[in-house]
């Protein structure tokens, strides 16, 4: 028997075979859909083409990086920063050039702090502080440091100590001059400073004070001169230093 469309019909009494359009398990595709011929070959070809393009892009990227490195080496200048890439920070070199040094001078009138880093020219100041504390106020008449004056000085010294700690100072020298040198309670004040700020003040002699004054102004002296007279005028004392060049 011939069925519709010219296909042979099943004999009467036998069940009809399910059509491909109604068989979801058909190997021809989902819901019986027939895959077009040659689609697998095209997919493989597309995959090969994408892989080749990716390799070409990788080679071009490596070529650009090599060219940038060559130009940078030839010019001595760093290559321009590329968008989306954060430049690596240079490693910090450890050594004397990176170390910070501090000098603190507690005088009769003023408290000064200088924090600096060594440089080819001598040093570079990275932080400084100065405050008028009038530590020697009333000293000439009483022979001792007054409570208000000591409190002002300690407040300033506490700020100096915090600055040195925050900067990570490697070495420091902290000195006190005439007021602490001549006051009856100068030693007690030095102990109080240590207790309240952590700073160990060194009370220098007049000779050491004069030497430090010369060391500080030596670069300003005229090298063409054979000798020089240096005046160090402070709030509680004055030093005169004769220097042979």
C-alpha atoms as a PDB file:
ATOM      1  CA  UNK A   1       0.000   0.000   0.000  1.00  0.00           C
ATOM      2  CA  UNK A   2       1.095   3.498  -0.705  1.00  0.00           C
ATOM      3  CA  UNK A   3       0.569   6.124   1.893  1.00  0.00           C
ATOM      4  CA  UNK A   4       0.326   9.917   1.577  1.00  0.00           C
ATOM      5  CA  UNK A   5       3.227  11.493  -0.284  1.00  0.00           C
ATOM      6  CA  UNK A   6       4.129   8.225  -1.991  1.00  0.00           C
ATOM      7  CA  UNK A   7       5.579   6.523   1.099  1.00  0.00           C
ATOM      8  CA  UNK A   8       4.679   2.861   1.584  1.00  0.00           C
ATOM      9  CA  UNK A   9       1.960   2.428   4.184  1.00  0.00           C
ATOM     10  CA  UNK A  10       2.189  -0.144   6.949  1.00  0.00           C
ATOM     11  CA  UNK A  11       0.045  -3.161   6.577  1.00  0.00           C
ATOM     12  CA  UNK A  12      -3.334  -2.998   8.199  1.00  0.00           C
ATOM     13  CA  UNK A  13      -3.387  -4.095  11.793  1.00  0.00           C
ATOM     14  CA  UNK A  14       0.225  -3.046  12.516  1.00  0.00           C
ATOM     15  CA  UNK A  15       1.068   0.122  14.520  1.00  0.00           C
ATOM     16  CA  UNK A  16       2.363   3.082  12.624  1.00  0.00           C
ATOM     17  CA  UNK A  17       6.054   4.050  13.219  1.00  0.00           C
ATOM     18  CA  UNK A  18       6.383   7.425  14.960  1.00  0.00           C
ATOM     19  CA  UNK A  19       7.414  10.275  12.719  1.00  0.00           C
ATOM     20  CA  UNK A  20      10.738  12.039  13.224  1.00  0.00           C
ATOM     21  CA  UNK A  21       8.981  15.334  13.931  1.00  0.00           C
ATOM     22  CA  UNK A  22       7.341  13.812  17.020  1.00  0.00           C
ATOM     23  CA  UNK A  23      10.343  11.874  18.335  1.00  0.00           C
ATOM     24  CA  UNK A  24      12.346  14.019  20.757  1.00  0.00           C
ATOM     25  CA  UNK A  25      15.032  11.342  21.031  1.00  0.00           C
ATOM     26  CA  UNK A  26      15.815  11.429  17.319  1.00  0.00           C
ATOM     27  CA  UNK A  27      19.580  11.580  16.638  1.00  0.00           C
ATOM     28  CA  UNK A  28      18.929  14.215  14.010  1.00  0.00           C
ATOM     29  CA  UNK A  29      18.544  16.992  16.585  1.00  0.00           C
ATOM     30  CA  UNK A  30      16.353  18.352  19.333  1.00  0.00           C
ATOM     31  CA  UNK A  31      12.628  17.872  18.666  1.00  0.00           C
ATOM     32  CA  UNK A  32      13.499  16.067  15.473  1.00  0.00           C
ATOM     33  CA  UNK A  33      15.079  19.067  13.768  1.00  0.00           C
ATOM     34  CA  UNK A  34      17.511  18.113  11.056  1.00  0.00           C
ATOM     35  CA  UNK A  35      20.898  19.852  11.334  1.00  0.00           C
ATOM     36  CA  UNK A  36      22.090  21.406   8.079  1.00  0.00           C
ATOM     37  CA  UNK A  37      24.858  19.550   6.365  1.00  0.00           C
ATOM     38  CA  UNK A  38      28.350  20.913   6.807  1.00  0.00           C
ATOM     39  CA  UNK A  39      27.565  22.863  10.038  1.00  0.00           C
ATOM     40  CA  UNK A  40      30.096  20.836  12.079  1.00  0.00           C
ATOM     41  CA  UNK A  41      32.837  21.604   9.592  1.00  0.00           C
ATOM     42  CA  UNK A  42      31.999  25.303   9.711  1.00  0.00           C
ATOM     43  CA  UNK A  43      32.092  25.271  13.541  1.00  0.00           C
ATOM     44  CA  UNK A  44      35.502  23.618  13.530  1.00  0.00           C
ATOM     45  CA  UNK A  45      36.735  26.102  10.941  1.00  0.00           C
ATOM     46  CA  UNK A  46      35.449  29.031  13.018  1.00  0.00           C
ATOM     47  CA  UNK A  47      37.188  27.670  16.135  1.00  0.00           C
ATOM     48  CA  UNK A  48      40.488  27.300  14.282  1.00  0.00           C
ATOM     49  CA  UNK A  49      40.150  30.848  12.940  1.00  0.00           C
ATOM     50  CA  UNK A  50      39.486  32.271  16.428  1.00  0.00           C
ATOM     51  CA  UNK A  51      42.476  30.390  17.831  1.00  0.00           C
ATOM     52  CA  UNK A  52      44.713  31.771  15.079  1.00  0.00           C
ATOM     53  CA  UNK A  53      43.459  35.319  15.719  1.00  0.00           C
ATOM     54  CA  UNK A  54      44.155  34.931  19.452  1.00  0.00           C
ATOM     55  CA  UNK A  55      47.710  33.754  18.736  1.00  0.00           C
ATOM     56  CA  UNK A  56      48.263  36.661  16.345  1.00  0.00           C
ATOM     57  CA  UNK A  57      47.033  39.139  18.971  1.00  0.00           C
ATOM     58  CA  UNK A  58      49.358  37.575  21.557  1.00  0.00           C
ATOM     59  CA  UNK A  59      52.336  37.862  19.183  1.00  0.00           C
ATOM     60  CA  UNK A  60      51.475  41.482  18.407  1.00  0.00           C
ATOM     61  CA  UNK A  61      51.193  42.275  22.157  1.00  0.00           C
ATOM     62  CA  UNK A  62      54.590  40.707  22.879  1.00  0.00           C
ATOM     63  CA  UNK A  63      56.073  42.557  19.935  1.00  0.00           C
ATOM     64  CA  UNK A  64      54.744  45.901  21.225  1.00  0.00           C
ATOM     65  CA  UNK A  65      56.131  45.261  24.694  1.00  0.00           C
ATOM     66  CA  UNK A  66      59.554  44.366  23.288  1.00  0.00           C
ATOM     67  CA  UNK A  67      59.549  47.487  21.115  1.00  0.00           C
ATOM     68  CA  UNK A  68      58.603  49.690  24.100  1.00  0.00           C
ATOM     69  CA  UNK A  69      61.377  48.123  26.185  1.00  0.00           C
ATOM     70  CA  UNK A  70      63.885  48.726  23.362  1.00  0.00           C
ATOM     71  CA  UNK A  71      62.857  52.393  23.037  1.00  0.00           C
ATOM     72  CA  UNK A  72      62.984  52.882  26.796  1.00  0.00           C
ATOM     73  CA  UNK A  73      66.495  51.423  26.971  1.00  0.00           C
ATOM     74  CA  UNK A  74      67.657  53.611  24.077  1.00  0.00           C
ATOM     75  CA  UNK A  75      66.184  56.858  25.424  1.00  0.00           C
ATOM     76  CA  UNK A  76      66.769  56.293  29.117  1.00  0.00           C
ATOM     77  CA  UNK A  77      63.190  57.432  29.811  1.00  0.00           C
ATOM     78  CA  UNK A  78      60.360  55.230  31.102  1.00  0.00           C
ATOM     79  CA  UNK A  79      57.737  54.145  28.605  1.00  0.00           C
ATOM     80  CA  UNK A  80      54.370  55.976  28.787  1.00  0.00           C
ATOM     81  CA  UNK A  81      51.859  54.527  31.198  1.00  0.00           C
ATOM     82  CA  UNK A  82      49.282  52.226  29.608  1.00  0.00           C
ATOM     83  CA  UNK A  83      45.637  52.558  30.586  1.00  0.00           C
ATOM     84  CA  UNK A  84      44.369  49.897  32.932  1.00  0.00           C
ATOM     85  CA  UNK A  85      47.817  48.936  34.200  1.00  0.00           C
ATOM     86  CA  UNK A  86      49.172  50.251  37.473  1.00  0.00           C
ATOM     87  CA  UNK A  87      52.930  50.831  37.373  1.00  0.00           C
ATOM     88  CA  UNK A  88      55.025  48.944  39.856  1.00  0.00           C
ATOM     89  CA  UNK A  89      56.518  51.124  42.568  1.00  0.00           C
ATOM     90  CA  UNK A  90      60.311  51.016  42.763  1.00  0.00           C
ATOM     91  CA  UNK A  91      61.625  49.173  45.760  1.00  0.00           C
ATOM     92  CA  UNK A  92      62.771  51.505  48.498  1.00  0.00           C
ATOM     93  CA  UNK A  93      66.508  51.247  48.933  1.00  0.00           C
ATOM     94  CA  UNK A  94      67.784  50.962  52.448  1.00  0.00           C
ATOM     95  CA  UNK A  95      70.826  53.044  53.328  1.00  0.00           C
ATOM     96  CA  UNK A  96      72.020  56.295  54.822  1.00  0.00           C
ATOM     97  CA  UNK A  97      70.349  58.310  52.020  1.00  0.00           C
ATOM     98  CA  UNK A  98      66.933  57.143  53.251  1.00  0.00           C
ATOM     99  CA  UNK A  99      67.582  57.658  56.955  1.00  0.00           C
ATOM    100  CA  UNK A 100      66.259  60.685  58.803  1.00  0.00           C
ATOM    101  CA  UNK A 101      68.183  62.636  61.433  1.00  0.00           C
ATOM    102  CA  UNK A 102      66.858  65.134  63.958  1.00  0.00           C
ATOM    103  CA  UNK A 103      68.355  67.998  65.965  1.00  0.00           C
ATOM    104  CA  UNK A 104      66.472  69.604  68.853  1.00  0.00           C
ATOM    105  CA  UNK A 105      67.601  72.739  70.691  1.00  0.00           C
ATOM    106  CA  UNK A 106      65.781  73.877  73.827  1.00  0.00           C
ATOM    107  CA  UNK A 107      67.039  77.369  74.512  1.00  0.00           C
ATOM    108  CA  UNK A 108      66.169  80.031  77.035  1.00  0.00           C
ATOM    109  CA  UNK A 109      63.505  81.516  74.767  1.00  0.00           C
ATOM    110  CA  UNK A 110      62.852  79.082  71.939  1.00  0.00           C
ATOM    111  CA  UNK A 111      62.385  75.372  71.235  1.00  0.00           C
ATOM    112  CA  UNK A 112      63.528  74.302  67.750  1.00  0.00           C
ATOM    113  CA  UNK A 113      63.424  71.004  65.899  1.00  0.00           C
ATOM    114  CA  UNK A 114      64.903  70.106  62.521  1.00  0.00           C
ATOM    115  CA  UNK A 115      64.441  66.751  60.753  1.00  0.00           C
ATOM    116  CA  UNK A 116      66.533  66.181  57.635  1.00  0.00           C
ATOM    117  CA  UNK A 117      67.724  63.578  55.154  1.00  0.00           C
ATOM    118  CA  UNK A 118      71.303  63.444  53.788  1.00  0.00           C
ATOM    119  CA  UNK A 119      71.711  64.726  50.223  1.00  0.00           C
ATOM    120  CA  UNK A 120      74.634  65.400  47.860  1.00  0.00           C
ATOM    121  CA  UNK A 121      74.452  69.088  48.826  1.00  0.00           C
ATOM    122  CA  UNK A 122      74.544  68.320  52.551  1.00  0.00           C
ATOM    123  CA  UNK A 123      71.028  67.621  53.790  1.00  0.00           C
ATOM    124  CA  UNK A 124      67.413  68.165  52.824  1.00  0.00           C
ATOM    125  CA  UNK A 125      64.944  69.367  55.462  1.00  0.00           C
ATOM    126  CA  UNK A 126      61.798  67.229  55.595  1.00  0.00           C
ATOM    127  CA  UNK A 127      60.210  68.712  58.735  1.00  0.00           C
ATOM    128  CA  UNK A 128      60.807  71.609  61.124  1.00  0.00           C
ATOM    129  CA  UNK A 129      59.210  73.072  64.216  1.00  0.00           C
ATOM    130  CA  UNK A 130      59.804  76.206  66.302  1.00  0.00           C
ATOM    131  CA  UNK A 131      57.948  77.653  69.276  1.00  0.00           C
ATOM    132  CA  UNK A 132      58.715  80.476  71.684  1.00  0.00           C
ATOM    133  CA  UNK A 133      58.462  78.948  75.171  1.00  0.00           C
ATOM    134  CA  UNK A 134      60.318  81.564  77.295  1.00  0.00           C
ATOM    135  CA  UNK A 135      61.762  78.847  79.520  1.00  0.00           C
ATOM    136  CA  UNK A 136      64.080  81.355  81.206  1.00  0.00           C
ATOM    137  CA  UNK A 137      61.268  83.725  82.176  1.00  0.00           C
ATOM    138  CA  UNK A 138      61.960  84.984  85.749  1.00  0.00           C
ATOM    139  CA  UNK A 139      65.193  82.976  85.983  1.00  0.00           C
ATOM    140  CA  UNK A 140      67.403  86.000  86.599  1.00  0.00           C
ATOM    141  CA  UNK A 141      65.390  87.062  89.648  1.00  0.00           C
ATOM    142  CA  UNK A 142      64.495  83.687  91.161  1.00  0.00           C
ATOM    143  CA  UNK A 143      67.373  81.472  90.060  1.00  0.00           C
ATOM    144  CA  UNK A 144      64.891  78.715  89.115  1.00  0.00           C
ATOM    145  CA  UNK A 145      62.625  77.726  86.255  1.00  0.00           C
ATOM    146  CA  UNK A 146      58.981  78.695  86.831  1.00  0.00           C
ATOM    147  CA  UNK A 147      56.120  76.195  86.604  1.00  0.00           C
ATOM    148  CA  UNK A 148      54.338  77.996  83.755  1.00  0.00           C
ATOM    149  CA  UNK A 149      57.584  78.233  81.784  1.00  0.00           C
ATOM    150  CA  UNK A 150      58.353  74.549  82.282  1.00  0.00           C
ATOM    151  CA  UNK A 151      54.845  73.575  81.195  1.00  0.00           C
ATOM    152  CA  UNK A 152      55.163  75.620  77.980  1.00  0.00           C
ATOM    153  CA  UNK A 153      58.483  73.960  77.222  1.00  0.00           C
ATOM    154  CA  UNK A 154      57.155  70.455  77.902  1.00  0.00           C
ATOM    155  CA  UNK A 155      54.151  71.045  75.637  1.00  0.00           C
ATOM    156  CA  UNK A 156      56.504  72.029  72.799  1.00  0.00           C
ATOM    157  CA  UNK A 157      58.858  69.121  73.491  1.00  0.00           C
ATOM    158  CA  UNK A 158      55.940  66.701  73.382  1.00  0.00           C
ATOM    159  CA  UNK A 159      55.106  67.885  69.857  1.00  0.00           C
ATOM    160  CA  UNK A 160      58.750  67.428  68.860  1.00  0.00           C
ATOM    161  CA  UNK A 161      58.783  63.883  70.240  1.00  0.00           C
ATOM    162  CA  UNK A 162      55.622  63.016  68.296  1.00  0.00           C
ATOM    163  CA  UNK A 163      57.101  64.395  65.074  1.00  0.00           C
ATOM    164  CA  UNK A 164      60.288  62.361  65.450  1.00  0.00           C
ATOM    165  CA  UNK A 165      58.345  59.192  66.228  1.00  0.00           C
ATOM    166  CA  UNK A 166      55.987  59.695  63.283  1.00  0.00           C
ATOM    167  CA  UNK A 167      58.880  60.306  60.880  1.00  0.00           C
ATOM    168  CA  UNK A 168      60.831  57.284  62.097  1.00  0.00           C
ATOM    169  CA  UNK A 169      63.988  59.248  62.878  1.00  0.00           C
ATOM    170  CA  UNK A 170      67.076  57.023  62.871  1.00  0.00           C
ATOM    171  CA  UNK A 171      69.286  59.213  65.075  1.00  0.00           C
ATOM    172  CA  UNK A 172      68.773  62.420  67.001  1.00  0.00           C
ATOM    173  CA  UNK A 173      70.538  64.830  69.315  1.00  0.00           C
ATOM    174  CA  UNK A 174      68.448  66.795  71.788  1.00  0.00           C
ATOM    175  CA  UNK A 175      70.182  69.511  73.785  1.00  0.00           C
ATOM    176  CA  UNK A 176      69.329  72.183  76.347  1.00  0.00           C
ATOM    177  CA  UNK A 177      71.422  75.302  76.881  1.00  0.00           C
ATOM    178  CA  UNK A 178      71.752  78.250  79.264  1.00  0.00           C
ATOM    179  CA  UNK A 179      68.400  78.133  81.096  1.00  0.00           C
ATOM    180  CA  UNK A 180      68.773  74.493  82.140  1.00  0.00           C
ATOM    181  CA  UNK A 181      72.487  74.935  82.694  1.00  0.00           C
ATOM    182  CA  UNK A 182      72.143  77.747  85.261  1.00  0.00           C
ATOM    183  CA  UNK A 183      68.765  77.079  86.937  1.00  0.00           C
ATOM    184  CA  UNK A 184      68.771  75.574  90.423  1.00  0.00           C
ATOM    185  CA  UNK A 185      66.053  73.149  89.384  1.00  0.00           C
ATOM    186  CA  UNK A 186      67.519  72.461  85.935  1.00  0.00           C
ATOM    187  CA  UNK A 187      68.289  68.787  86.692  1.00  0.00           C
ATOM    188  CA  UNK A 188      64.782  68.217  88.058  1.00  0.00           C
ATOM    189  CA  UNK A 189      63.318  69.737  84.910  1.00  0.00           C
ATOM    190  CA  UNK A 190      65.413  67.418  82.702  1.00  0.00           C
ATOM    191  CA  UNK A 191      64.069  64.399  84.602  1.00  0.00           C
ATOM    192  CA  UNK A 192      60.514  65.694  84.239  1.00  0.00           C
ATOM    193  CA  UNK A 193      60.982  66.079  80.488  1.00  0.00           C
ATOM    194  CA  UNK A 194      62.160  62.473  80.256  1.00  0.00           C
ATOM    195  CA  UNK A 195      59.193  61.288  82.271  1.00  0.00           C
ATOM    196  CA  UNK A 196      56.520  63.235  80.364  1.00  0.00           C
ATOM    197  CA  UNK A 197      57.857  63.214  76.791  1.00  0.00           C
ATOM    198  CA  UNK A 198      60.379  60.382  76.586  1.00  0.00           C
ATOM    199  CA  UNK A 199      63.110  62.781  75.418  1.00  0.00           C
ATOM    200  CA  UNK A 200      66.544  62.689  77.054  1.00  0.00           C
ATOM    201  CA  UNK A 201      67.832  66.259  76.962  1.00  0.00           C
ATOM    202  CA  UNK A 202      71.584  66.777  77.098  1.00  0.00           C
ATOM    203  CA  UNK A 203      72.624  69.954  78.922  1.00  0.00           C
ATOM    204  CA  UNK A 204      75.661  71.181  76.973  1.00  0.00           C
ATOM    205  CA  UNK A 205      78.481  73.326  78.301  1.00  0.00           C
ATOM    206  CA  UNK A 206      79.275  76.787  76.940  1.00  0.00           C
ATOM    207  CA  UNK A 207      82.244  75.314  75.032  1.00  0.00           C
ATOM    208  CA  UNK A 208      80.107  72.652  73.358  1.00  0.00           C
ATOM    209  CA  UNK A 209      77.457  75.253  72.561  1.00  0.00           C
ATOM    210  CA  UNK A 210      80.118  77.371  70.848  1.00  0.00           C
ATOM    211  CA  UNK A 211      81.421  74.406  68.819  1.00  0.00           C
ATOM    212  CA  UNK A 212      77.912  73.538  67.657  1.00  0.00           C
ATOM    213  CA  UNK A 213      77.355  77.155  66.609  1.00  0.00           C
ATOM    214  CA  UNK A 214      80.485  77.083  64.439  1.00  0.00           C
ATOM    215  CA  UNK A 215      79.531  73.716  62.926  1.00  0.00           C
ATOM    216  CA  UNK A 216      76.128  75.115  62.009  1.00  0.00           C
ATOM    217  CA  UNK A 217      77.385  78.224  60.240  1.00  0.00           C
ATOM    218  CA  UNK A 218      80.650  76.865  58.770  1.00  0.00           C
ATOM    219  CA  UNK A 219      79.244  76.606  55.196  1.00  0.00           C
ATOM    220  CA  UNK A 220      78.445  80.347  55.331  1.00  0.00           C
ATOM    221  CA  UNK A 221      82.010  81.437  56.092  1.00  0.00           C
ATOM    222  CA  UNK A 222      84.089  82.938  53.291  1.00  0.00           C
ATOM    223  CA  UNK A 223      86.796  80.442  52.365  1.00  0.00           C
ATOM    224  CA  UNK A 224      89.020  83.280  51.136  1.00  0.00           C
ATOM    225  CA  UNK A 225      89.413  84.607  54.693  1.00  0.00           C
ATOM    226  CA  UNK A 226      92.177  83.400  56.984  1.00  0.00           C
ATOM    227  CA  UNK A 227      90.053  83.702  60.116  1.00  0.00           C
ATOM    228  CA  UNK A 228      86.585  84.689  61.303  1.00  0.00           C
ATOM    229  CA  UNK A 229      84.784  85.787  64.452  1.00  0.00           C
ATOM    230  CA  UNK A 230      81.466  84.070  65.097  1.00  0.00           C
ATOM    231  CA  UNK A 231      78.827  85.443  67.490  1.00  0.00           C
ATOM    232  CA  UNK A 232      76.186  83.116  68.922  1.00  0.00           C
ATOM    233  CA  UNK A 233      73.648  85.355  70.646  1.00  0.00           C
ATOM    234  CA  UNK A 234      71.054  83.390  72.587  1.00  0.00           C
ATOM    235  CA  UNK A 235      68.348  84.221  75.074  1.00  0.00           C
ATOM    236  CA  UNK A 236      70.440  83.361  78.131  1.00  0.00           C
ATOM    237  CA  UNK A 237      74.043  83.516  76.929  1.00  0.00           C
ATOM    238  CA  UNK A 238      76.279  84.804  74.150  1.00  0.00           C
ATOM    239  CA  UNK A 239      79.327  82.964  72.797  1.00  0.00           C
ATOM    240  CA  UNK A 240      82.147  84.506  70.775  1.00  0.00           C
ATOM    241  CA  UNK A 241      84.231  82.068  68.746  1.00  0.00           C
ATOM    242  CA  UNK A 242      87.476  82.894  66.947  1.00  0.00           C
ATOM    243  CA  UNK A 243      87.890  80.580  63.963  1.00  0.00           C
ATOM    244  CA  UNK A 244      91.104  79.995  61.987  1.00  0.00           C
ATOM    245  CA  UNK A 245      90.172  78.953  58.471  1.00  0.00           C
END
